[in-house]
Amino acid sequence: MAEPLSVLEPVTADPILDEGDHDRMAHIVLEGFHAKDDNFISAGPSVVEGMVMGTPVKALCGKEWVPGKNPSRYGLCPTCKEIAESLGWEIPSA
């Protein structure tokens, strides 16, 4: 007689992340902003600087890394997305 099938748990909208998952996601990096007087204020190294100079950048979610992979190959970090949306930023669709 065959074993009964297990009931699968429903898939949730929010993925459960393990330690290595942030390496397999695209992140949002705030490179700076324009002040009221229109002067640009840097918030840290840009992604381009990180790629060219090997300088670590910091994502909205707090992840720090040296960029080097094509982010379009990965899904967007849900924490970065949530933070950006809470700030009223428009997230472009893939």
C-alpha atoms as a PDB file:
ATOM      1  CA  MET A   1       0.000   0.000   0.000  1.00  0.00           C
ATOM      2  CA  ALA A   2       1.298   3.471  -0.907  1.00  0.00           C
ATOM      3  CA  GLU A   3       2.144   6.045   1.733  1.00  0.00           C
ATOM      4  CA  PRO A   4      -0.383   8.905   2.004  1.00  0.00           C
ATOM      5  CA  LEU A   5       0.647  12.162   0.370  1.00  0.00           C
ATOM      6  CA  SER A   6       1.829  14.940   2.659  1.00  0.00           C
ATOM      7  CA  VAL A   7      -0.123  18.161   2.719  1.00  0.00           C
ATOM      8  CA  LEU A   8       2.047  21.049   1.568  1.00  0.00           C
ATOM      9  CA  GLU A   9       1.982  24.310   3.456  1.00  0.00           C
ATOM     10  CA  PRO A  10       0.626  27.242   1.454  1.00  0.00           C
ATOM     11  CA  VAL A  11       3.154  29.530  -0.191  1.00  0.00           C
ATOM     12  CA  THR A  12       3.338  32.910   1.518  1.00  0.00           C
ATOM     13  CA  ALA A  13       3.693  36.224  -0.296  1.00  0.00           C
ATOM     14  CA  ASP A  14       6.771  37.108   1.765  1.00  0.00           C
ATOM     15  CA  PRO A  15       9.647  34.690   1.222  1.00  0.00           C
ATOM     16  CA  ILE A  16      11.513  33.358   4.231  1.00  0.00           C
ATOM     17  CA  LEU A  17      15.144  34.372   3.851  1.00  0.00           C
ATOM     18  CA  ASP A  18      18.165  32.448   5.029  1.00  0.00           C
ATOM     19  CA  GLU A  19      21.699  33.786   5.516  1.00  0.00           C
ATOM     20  CA  GLY A  20      22.776  33.378   1.862  1.00  0.00           C
ATOM     21  CA  ASP A  21      19.625  34.682   0.192  1.00  0.00           C
ATOM     22  CA  HIS A  22      20.723  38.337   0.203  1.00  0.00           C
ATOM     23  CA  ASP A  23      23.573  37.351  -2.111  1.00  0.00           C
ATOM     24  CA  ARG A  24      21.018  36.183  -4.667  1.00  0.00           C
ATOM     25  CA  MET A  25      18.967  39.387  -4.765  1.00  0.00           C
ATOM     26  CA  ALA A  26      19.125  42.789  -6.374  1.00  0.00           C
ATOM     27  CA  HIS A  27      19.334  45.591  -3.805  1.00  0.00           C
ATOM     28  CA  ILE A  28      18.555  49.316  -3.833  1.00  0.00           C
ATOM     29  CA  VAL A  29      21.477  51.611  -3.016  1.00  0.00           C
ATOM     30  CA  LEU A  30      20.909  55.253  -2.059  1.00  0.00           C
ATOM     31  CA  GLU A  31      23.840  57.025  -3.659  1.00  0.00           C
ATOM     32  CA  GLY A  32      22.769  60.487  -2.523  1.00  0.00           C
ATOM     33  CA  PHE A  33      20.086  63.128  -2.840  1.00  0.00           C
ATOM     34  CA  HIS A  34      19.556  66.715  -3.901  1.00  0.00           C
ATOM     35  CA  ALA A  35      19.116  69.167  -1.026  1.00  0.00           C
ATOM     36  CA  LYS A  36      16.632  72.057  -1.149  1.00  0.00           C
ATOM     37  CA  ASP A  37      19.361  74.279  -2.602  1.00  0.00           C
ATOM     38  CA  ASP A  38      19.821  71.621  -5.346  1.00  0.00           C
ATOM     39  CA  ASN A  39      23.310  70.658  -4.142  1.00  0.00           C
ATOM     40  CA  PHE A  40      23.936  66.917  -4.381  1.00  0.00           C
ATOM     41  CA  ILE A  41      24.724  65.285  -1.047  1.00  0.00           C
ATOM     42  CA  SER A  42      26.457  61.924  -1.293  1.00  0.00           C
ATOM     43  CA  ALA A  43      25.188  59.117   0.923  1.00  0.00           C
ATOM     44  CA  GLY A  44      28.135  56.874   0.131  1.00  0.00           C
ATOM     45  CA  PRO A  45      29.881  55.245  -2.793  1.00  0.00           C
ATOM     46  CA  SER A  46      27.889  54.826  -5.998  1.00  0.00           C
ATOM     47  CA  VAL A  47      27.300  51.417  -7.526  1.00  0.00           C
ATOM     48  CA  VAL A  48      29.509  52.358 -10.478  1.00  0.00           C
ATOM     49  CA  GLU A  49      32.312  53.406  -8.120  1.00  0.00           C
ATOM     50  CA  GLY A  50      31.907  50.118  -6.290  1.00  0.00           C
ATOM     51  CA  MET A  51      32.216  48.132  -9.512  1.00  0.00           C
ATOM     52  CA  VAL A  52      35.194  50.084 -10.860  1.00  0.00           C
ATOM     53  CA  MET A  53      37.140  50.700  -7.656  1.00  0.00           C
ATOM     54  CA  GLY A  54      36.065  47.652  -5.642  1.00  0.00           C
ATOM     55  CA  THR A  55      34.496  49.897  -2.993  1.00  0.00           C
ATOM     56  CA  PRO A  56      31.724  48.338  -0.883  1.00  0.00           C
ATOM     57  CA  VAL A  57      28.261  49.894  -1.168  1.00  0.00           C
ATOM     58  CA  LYS A  58      25.382  49.710   1.307  1.00  0.00           C
ATOM     59  CA  ALA A  59      21.807  48.788   0.391  1.00  0.00           C
ATOM     60  CA  LEU A  60      18.698  50.201   2.050  1.00  0.00           C
ATOM     61  CA  CYS A  61      18.290  46.878   3.887  1.00  0.00           C
ATOM     62  CA  GLY A  62      21.781  47.197   5.376  1.00  0.00           C
ATOM     63  CA  LYS A  63      23.601  44.648   3.199  1.00  0.00           C
ATOM     64  CA  GLU A  64      27.130  45.754   2.301  1.00  0.00           C
ATOM     65  CA  TRP A  65      28.992  44.259  -0.658  1.00  0.00           C
ATOM     66  CA  VAL A  66      31.205  45.069  -3.622  1.00  0.00           C
ATOM     67  CA  PRO A  67      28.911  45.093  -6.678  1.00  0.00           C
ATOM     68  CA  GLY A  68      29.954  43.034  -9.622  1.00  0.00           C
ATOM     69  CA  LYS A  69      27.030  40.931 -10.841  1.00  0.00           C
ATOM     70  CA  ASN A  70      24.231  41.977 -13.168  1.00  0.00           C
ATOM     71  CA  PRO A  71      21.315  42.799 -10.807  1.00  0.00           C
ATOM     72  CA  SER A  72      18.700  42.228 -13.527  1.00  0.00           C
ATOM     73  CA  ARG A  73      19.334  38.486 -13.137  1.00  0.00           C
ATOM     74  CA  TYR A  74      17.939  38.516  -9.586  1.00  0.00           C
ATOM     75  CA  GLY A  75      14.685  39.358  -7.840  1.00  0.00           C
ATOM     76  CA  LEU A  76      14.449  42.563  -5.834  1.00  0.00           C
ATOM     77  CA  CYS A  77      15.218  42.334  -2.126  1.00  0.00           C
ATOM     78  CA  PRO A  78      11.840  42.551  -0.352  1.00  0.00           C
ATOM     79  CA  THR A  79      13.313  44.597   2.512  1.00  0.00           C
ATOM     80  CA  CYS A  80      14.836  47.182   0.147  1.00  0.00           C
ATOM     81  CA  LYS A  81      11.536  47.338  -1.756  1.00  0.00           C
ATOM     82  CA  GLU A  82       9.504  47.833   1.431  1.00  0.00           C
ATOM     83  CA  ILE A  83      11.812  50.626   2.641  1.00  0.00           C
ATOM     84  CA  ALA A  84      11.795  52.380  -0.747  1.00  0.00           C
ATOM     85  CA  GLU A  85       7.994  52.201  -1.001  1.00  0.00           C
ATOM     86  CA  SER A  86       7.618  53.535   2.565  1.00  0.00           C
ATOM     87  CA  LEU A  87       9.673  56.560   1.452  1.00  0.00           C
ATOM     88  CA  GLY A  88       7.288  57.103  -1.473  1.00  0.00           C
ATOM     89  CA  TRP A  89       9.766  56.032  -4.127  1.00  0.00           C
ATOM     90  CA  GLU A  90       8.437  54.490  -7.309  1.00  0.00           C
ATOM     91  CA  ILE A  91       9.850  51.012  -7.901  1.00  0.00           C
ATOM     92  CA  PRO A  92      10.275  50.303 -11.632  1.00  0.00           C
ATOM     93  CA  SER A  93       8.844  47.003 -12.791  1.00  0.00           C
ATOM     94  CA  ALA A  94      11.259  44.451 -14.188  1.00  0.00           C
END
